Amino acid sequence: MVKNKEKTFWPHMILGFLAVGITLSYWTVKSASSIPVQESNNYMMKYQQADIHINEIIKRKALFDQNHIIELVDAKVTTLELENAKRAKSEKVVELSQGDNSFIYSVKDKQGHIVSDANVSFLLTRPHSVSEDNFIENVTPKDGKYTIDNISITKAGRYTLQLKVKMGDAVGYSEIPAYLKP
C-alpha cells in the first residue's frame, strides 16, 4: 500500500475564505448600523409624504407662483465659498448671528399688493438632519409682513430657512440657504 505524503491545503483555504467573508459581513453591518440615518424634510414634510404627493405639490406650487411672490426682507446676504474635490464654487447665503435671530418675510401678489391673510409656517433646519429643527406652525402677520422672532442659533454651520404659504388651493414654498460662521 502506497501512502500519499502530499498535503492538500484547499480545505484550509475554503475555511479561511469563509472566515474572511463572515468577518467582513459583520464589519459591514456594524459600520452601517453605527451611522445615524436622518430623514429629509423637503416641502416641510417627511420624504415619504412628499414622494407620494409630489404631483399635487408641484401643481399647487405652480398655482401659487403664477399669482404670488415670497421674499425674505432685510436679510444680510453673504457669499460662501464651497470647495469641492472637482471645483470650487460660491453660493449666496443668509448670514446668521450667534444667539437670537429674526426673519421677516413678505408675501405679495404679482401686482405688488401685500397679502396678509395667508396661512404661513416657518422651519429652520440643518441640511441632512432633523434633530435641531425649529418649526413655527402659524406665523401671524405684523404690518403686512410675516415676522419670526427669537430663533436661537448656537451651533455654527449650514442651515436652511423654509417657509410654506397656503392660500386656498395654492401652496408656495421658499427655501433659502443660511450659514452661521464659527
Protein backbone atom coordinates (compact mmCIF):
# COMPACT_ATOMS: atom_id res chain seq x y z
CA MET A 1 0.00 0.00 0.00
CA VAL A 2 1.38 3.35 -1.07
CA LYS A 3 0.92 6.29 1.27
CA ASN A 4 0.39 9.70 -0.29
CA LYS A 5 2.61 12.19 1.53
CA GLU A 6 1.35 15.26 -0.39
CA LYS A 7 -0.78 17.54 1.78
CA THR A 8 -3.65 19.42 0.26
CA PHE A 9 -4.38 22.90 1.53
CA TRP A 10 -7.67 23.56 -0.27
CA PRO A 11 -9.84 22.71 2.80
CA HIS A 12 -7.85 25.29 4.79
CA MET A 13 -8.30 27.88 2.03
CA ILE A 14 -12.05 27.31 1.98
CA LEU A 15 -12.23 27.76 5.76
CA GLY A 16 -10.04 30.89 5.51
CA PHE A 17 -12.25 32.46 2.82
CA LEU A 18 -15.33 31.63 4.86
CA ALA A 19 -13.80 33.26 7.97
CA VAL A 20 -12.84 36.38 5.97
CA GLY A 21 -16.36 36.58 4.48
CA ILE A 22 -18.05 36.30 7.88
CA THR A 23 -15.68 38.90 9.37
CA LEU A 24 -16.29 41.38 6.51
CA SER A 25 -20.06 40.83 6.74
CA TYR A 26 -20.01 41.53 10.47
CA TRP A 27 -17.85 44.64 9.95
CA THR A 28 -20.19 45.96 7.23
CA VAL A 29 -23.31 45.54 9.36
CA LYS A 30 -21.63 47.08 12.42
CA SER A 31 -20.35 50.09 10.41
CA ALA A 32 -23.67 50.69 8.68
CA SER A 33 -25.70 50.50 11.89
CA SER A 34 -23.43 52.96 13.72
CA ILE A 35 -24.16 55.78 11.23
CA PRO A 36 -27.37 57.63 12.11
CA VAL A 37 -29.99 57.98 9.40
CA GLN A 38 -31.71 61.36 9.16
CA GLU A 39 -34.96 61.97 7.36
CA SER A 40 -35.29 64.64 4.74
CA ASN A 41 -37.82 67.42 5.18
CA ASN A 42 -38.38 68.70 1.66
CA TYR A 43 -41.54 70.75 1.28
CA MET A 44 -41.71 70.85 5.12
CA MET A 45 -42.97 67.27 5.32
CA LYS A 46 -41.50 63.82 5.60
CA TYR A 47 -39.82 62.45 2.49
CA GLN A 48 -42.34 59.63 2.12
CA GLN A 49 -45.29 62.04 2.12
CA ALA A 50 -43.58 64.39 -0.33
CA ASP A 51 -42.78 61.45 -2.60
CA ILE A 52 -46.36 60.17 -2.58
CA HIS A 53 -47.95 63.59 -3.23
CA ILE A 54 -45.27 65.22 -5.43
CA ASN A 55 -47.57 65.78 -8.42
CA GLU A 56 -50.12 67.59 -6.27
CA ILE A 57 -47.35 69.60 -4.55
CA ILE A 58 -45.90 70.74 -7.88
CA LYS A 59 -49.35 71.67 -9.21
CA ARG A 60 -50.20 73.72 -6.08
CA LYS A 61 -46.77 75.40 -6.12
CA ALA A 62 -47.18 76.37 -9.79
CA LEU A 63 -50.62 77.83 -8.98
CA PHE A 64 -49.10 79.88 -6.17
CA ASP A 65 -46.12 81.02 -8.26
CA GLN A 66 -48.43 82.27 -11.04
CA ASN A 67 -50.03 84.81 -8.71
CA HIS A 68 -47.74 85.43 -5.71
CA ILE A 69 -44.15 86.14 -4.63
CA ILE A 70 -42.41 85.27 -1.35
CA GLU A 71 -39.48 87.49 -0.32
CA LEU A 72 -37.13 87.49 2.65
CA VAL A 73 -36.84 91.13 3.75
CA ASP A 74 -33.82 92.86 5.32
CA ALA A 75 -31.62 89.77 5.46
CA LYS A 76 -27.86 90.12 5.39
CA VAL A 77 -26.64 88.07 2.43
CA THR A 78 -23.05 86.91 2.06
CA THR A 79 -21.15 84.70 -0.35
CA LEU A 80 -20.00 81.32 0.93
CA GLU A 81 -17.09 79.69 -0.86
CA LEU A 82 -17.65 75.96 -1.24
CA GLU A 83 -14.70 73.76 -2.03
CA ASN A 84 -15.40 70.54 -3.82
CA ALA A 85 -12.89 67.92 -4.88
CA LYS A 86 -13.56 68.75 -8.53
CA ARG A 87 -14.07 72.52 -8.40
CA ALA A 88 -14.75 75.44 -6.10
CA LYS A 89 -17.97 77.40 -6.31
CA SER A 90 -19.65 80.19 -4.39
CA GLU A 91 -23.19 80.34 -3.07
CA LYS A 92 -25.21 83.27 -1.77
CA VAL A 93 -26.46 82.56 1.74
CA VAL A 94 -28.21 84.45 4.52
CA GLU A 95 -25.72 85.29 7.24
CA LEU A 96 -26.94 84.23 10.67
CA SER A 97 -25.76 85.59 14.02
CA GLN A 98 -24.93 83.74 17.22
CA GLY A 99 -27.93 83.78 19.59
CA ASP A 100 -31.35 85.17 18.72
CA ASN A 101 -32.24 85.82 15.08
CA SER A 102 -35.36 87.20 13.45
CA PHE A 103 -36.63 86.78 9.92
CA ILE A 104 -39.13 88.95 8.07
CA TYR A 105 -40.98 87.63 5.04
CA SER A 106 -43.30 89.45 2.71
CA VAL A 107 -45.96 87.74 0.60
CA LYS A 108 -47.20 89.80 -2.34
CA ASP A 109 -49.32 89.21 -5.37
CA LYS A 110 -47.88 89.86 -8.83
CA GLN A 111 -49.27 93.42 -8.80
CA GLY A 112 -47.28 94.22 -5.63
CA HIS A 113 -50.16 94.19 -3.14
CA ILE A 114 -49.30 92.74 0.26
CA VAL A 115 -51.12 89.55 1.24
CA SER A 116 -51.81 89.35 4.97
CA ASP A 117 -54.40 86.58 5.18
CA ALA A 118 -52.22 83.58 4.29
CA ASN A 119 -51.54 80.56 6.46
CA VAL A 120 -47.75 80.70 6.95
CA SER A 121 -45.40 78.12 8.53
CA PHE A 122 -41.66 78.53 9.14
CA LEU A 123 -38.92 75.93 9.58
CA LEU A 124 -35.27 76.48 10.43
CA THR A 125 -33.40 73.25 9.74
CA ARG A 126 -29.95 71.92 9.04
CA PRO A 127 -29.30 70.05 5.79
CA HIS A 128 -29.48 66.26 6.22
CA SER A 129 -30.68 66.46 9.83
CA VAL A 130 -33.99 66.96 11.56
CA SER A 131 -32.71 66.74 15.13
CA GLU A 132 -32.31 70.53 15.54
CA ASP A 133 -35.38 71.70 13.63
CA ASN A 134 -37.14 74.84 14.82
CA PHE A 135 -40.71 74.80 13.50
CA ILE A 136 -43.33 77.54 13.89
CA GLU A 137 -46.70 76.44 12.56
CA ASN A 138 -48.73 79.67 12.49
CA VAL A 139 -46.82 82.87 11.77
CA THR A 140 -49.06 85.88 12.25
CA PRO A 141 -48.60 88.99 10.12
CA LYS A 142 -47.45 92.28 11.65
CA ASP A 143 -47.87 95.37 9.49
CA GLY A 144 -48.32 93.20 6.40
CA LYS A 145 -45.12 91.23 6.98
CA TYR A 146 -44.67 87.81 8.50
CA THR A 147 -42.12 88.14 11.31
CA ILE A 148 -40.40 85.24 13.03
CA ASP A 149 -38.66 86.38 16.21
CA ASN A 150 -36.39 84.86 18.85
CA ILE A 151 -34.98 81.96 16.87
CA SER A 152 -31.92 80.95 18.89
CA ILE A 153 -28.99 79.54 16.93
CA THR A 154 -25.91 78.33 18.79
CA LYS A 155 -24.14 75.81 16.55
CA ALA A 156 -22.06 77.06 13.66
CA GLY A 157 -22.64 75.65 10.19
CA ARG A 158 -25.14 75.43 7.37
CA TYR A 159 -28.88 75.94 7.83
CA THR A 160 -31.93 76.22 5.60
CA LEU A 161 -34.75 78.74 6.06
CA GLN A 162 -38.00 77.23 4.80
CA LEU A 163 -41.34 78.99 4.54
CA LYS A 164 -44.64 77.46 3.47
CA VAL A 165 -47.53 79.74 2.47
CA LYS A 166 -51.06 78.32 1.99
CA MET A 167 -53.73 80.35 0.24
CA GLY A 168 -56.74 78.23 -0.63
CA ASP A 169 -55.60 75.53 -3.05
CA ALA A 170 -52.30 77.29 -3.80
CA VAL A 171 -49.24 76.49 -1.69
CA GLY A 172 -45.95 78.36 -2.05
CA TYR A 173 -42.54 77.35 -0.75
CA SER A 174 -39.40 79.33 -0.07
CA GLU A 175 -36.13 77.57 0.71
CA ILE A 176 -33.11 79.78 1.36
CA PRO A 177 -29.65 78.56 2.46
CA ALA A 178 -28.16 80.21 5.54
CA TYR A 179 -24.85 80.00 7.39
CA LEU A 180 -23.55 80.73 10.88
CA LYS A 181 -19.81 81.34 10.97
CA PRO A 182 -17.81 79.60 13.71
